[in-house]
Amino acid sequence: MRTIIIILLLTFGISAQAQTKKNKNAKYAIEVNGNCDQCKKRIEKAAYAVAGVKSASWNIETHQLDLIVNEEKTTITDVKKALAKAGHDTDEAKATDEDYNNLHHCCQYPRK
């Protein structure tokens, strides 16, 4: 009986450990509002400023930001907050009016 309990405890311990493992190369694609090359530079710079972001590439036409992040160091929510702080809205994080108004006039995209 004692052996069965030990085996069960080891099994649950190993499965719990496996569930908390984070991906070091997690890929995400998120929509980020912007208009031009100046926006592209600002969006990518804001993403790279977050520790754990390995790759960031924003497409002007699709407004899609492709990311590779180390989930042991950051979350996608942290990246979205950094983008909002730079003045660019995402689905979860909206830029403050002050941050948005600090964008160059050509970068001020229509807000929802």
Protein backbone atom coordinates (compact mmCIF):
# COMPACT_ATOMS: atom_id res chain seq x y z
CA MET A 1 0.00 0.00 0.00
CA ARG A 2 2.82 2.37 0.89
CA THR A 3 4.45 1.67 -2.50
CA ILE A 4 1.26 2.60 -4.35
CA ILE A 5 1.01 5.90 -2.48
CA ILE A 6 4.64 6.74 -3.28
CA ILE A 7 4.14 5.93 -6.96
CA LEU A 8 1.01 8.11 -7.09
CA LEU A 9 2.80 11.02 -5.40
CA LEU A 10 5.71 10.77 -7.83
CA THR A 11 3.35 10.62 -10.81
CA PHE A 12 1.40 13.69 -9.69
CA GLY A 13 4.61 15.55 -8.92
CA ILE A 14 6.02 14.89 -12.39
CA SER A 15 2.78 15.83 -14.15
CA ALA A 16 2.48 19.06 -12.13
CA GLN A 17 6.04 19.95 -13.09
CA ALA A 18 5.32 19.35 -16.78
CA GLN A 19 2.31 21.67 -16.71
CA THR A 20 4.29 24.64 -15.36
CA LYS A 21 7.04 24.43 -17.97
CA LYS A 22 7.04 27.53 -20.16
CA ASN A 23 7.96 27.73 -23.83
CA LYS A 24 11.25 29.50 -24.55
CA ASN A 25 10.26 30.10 -28.18
CA ALA A 26 6.53 30.78 -28.08
CA LYS A 27 5.15 32.28 -31.28
CA TYR A 28 2.36 34.84 -31.29
CA ALA A 29 0.66 36.99 -33.90
CA ILE A 30 -1.23 40.00 -32.59
CA GLU A 31 -2.94 42.96 -34.21
CA VAL A 32 -1.36 46.33 -33.42
CA ASN A 33 -2.77 49.60 -34.80
CA GLY A 34 -0.45 51.88 -36.73
CA ASN A 35 0.05 53.47 -40.15
CA CYS A 36 3.59 53.83 -41.46
CA ASP A 37 7.30 52.96 -41.33
CA GLN A 38 7.70 55.26 -38.34
CA CYS A 39 5.03 53.20 -36.54
CA LYS A 40 6.80 49.99 -37.55
CA LYS A 41 10.04 51.14 -35.93
CA ARG A 42 8.26 52.31 -32.76
CA ILE A 43 6.17 49.12 -32.42
CA GLU A 44 9.15 46.81 -32.92
CA LYS A 45 11.32 48.89 -30.56
CA ALA A 46 8.61 48.78 -27.86
CA ALA A 47 8.31 45.00 -28.23
CA TYR A 48 12.08 44.43 -28.07
CA ALA A 49 12.24 46.59 -24.93
CA VAL A 50 10.36 43.85 -23.06
CA ALA A 51 12.77 41.32 -21.56
CA GLY A 52 12.17 37.93 -23.16
CA VAL A 53 11.15 39.14 -26.62
CA LYS A 54 13.40 37.39 -29.11
CA SER A 55 11.83 38.50 -32.39
CA ALA A 56 9.34 41.20 -33.39
CA SER A 57 8.22 42.04 -36.92
CA TRP A 58 5.23 44.30 -37.68
CA ASN A 59 3.54 44.31 -41.10
CA ILE A 60 2.21 47.71 -42.20
CA GLU A 61 -0.51 46.32 -44.49
CA THR A 62 -1.95 43.68 -42.15
CA HIS A 63 -1.15 45.43 -38.83
CA GLN A 64 0.07 42.04 -37.60
CA LEU A 65 2.98 41.83 -35.17
CA ASP A 66 4.71 38.45 -35.28
CA LEU A 67 6.54 37.69 -32.04
CA ILE A 68 8.78 35.03 -30.60
CA VAL A 69 8.99 35.29 -26.82
CA ASN A 70 10.54 33.39 -23.94
CA GLU A 71 7.54 32.69 -21.70
CA GLU A 72 9.89 32.10 -18.77
CA LYS A 73 10.76 35.82 -18.87
CA THR A 74 7.58 37.57 -20.05
CA THR A 75 3.96 37.22 -21.08
CA ILE A 76 2.14 38.38 -24.18
CA THR A 77 0.15 40.72 -21.93
CA ASP A 78 3.38 42.47 -20.88
CA VAL A 79 4.24 43.03 -24.54
CA LYS A 80 0.76 44.43 -25.26
CA LYS A 81 1.08 46.84 -22.32
CA ALA A 82 4.44 48.06 -23.64
CA LEU A 83 2.91 48.65 -27.08
CA ALA A 84 0.05 50.63 -25.54
CA LYS A 85 2.55 52.72 -23.57
CA ALA A 86 4.24 53.51 -26.90
CA GLY A 87 0.86 54.78 -28.20
CA HIS A 88 -0.39 51.77 -30.15
CA ASP A 89 -3.64 49.94 -29.34
CA THR A 90 -3.94 46.15 -29.21
CA ASP A 91 -6.94 43.96 -28.48
CA GLU A 92 -6.21 43.82 -24.73
CA ALA A 93 -4.30 47.03 -24.03
CA LYS A 94 -5.36 50.47 -25.23
CA ALA A 95 -3.01 53.44 -25.29
CA THR A 96 -3.93 56.32 -23.02
CA ASP A 97 -5.12 59.45 -24.79
CA GLU A 98 -1.89 61.15 -23.71
CA ASP A 99 0.32 58.39 -25.20
CA TYR A 100 -1.76 58.33 -28.39
CA ASN A 101 -1.64 62.13 -28.75
CA ASN A 102 2.16 62.03 -28.41
CA LEU A 103 2.36 60.11 -31.70
CA HIS A 104 3.36 62.04 -34.81
CA HIS A 105 0.24 63.17 -36.70
CA CYS A 106 0.86 60.68 -39.54
CA CYS A 107 0.98 57.87 -36.98
CA GLN A 108 -2.38 58.68 -35.39
CA TYR A 109 -4.53 55.85 -36.70
CA PRO A 110 -8.34 55.84 -36.42
CA ARG A 111 -9.25 54.56 -32.95
CA LYS A 112 -12.18 52.25 -32.23
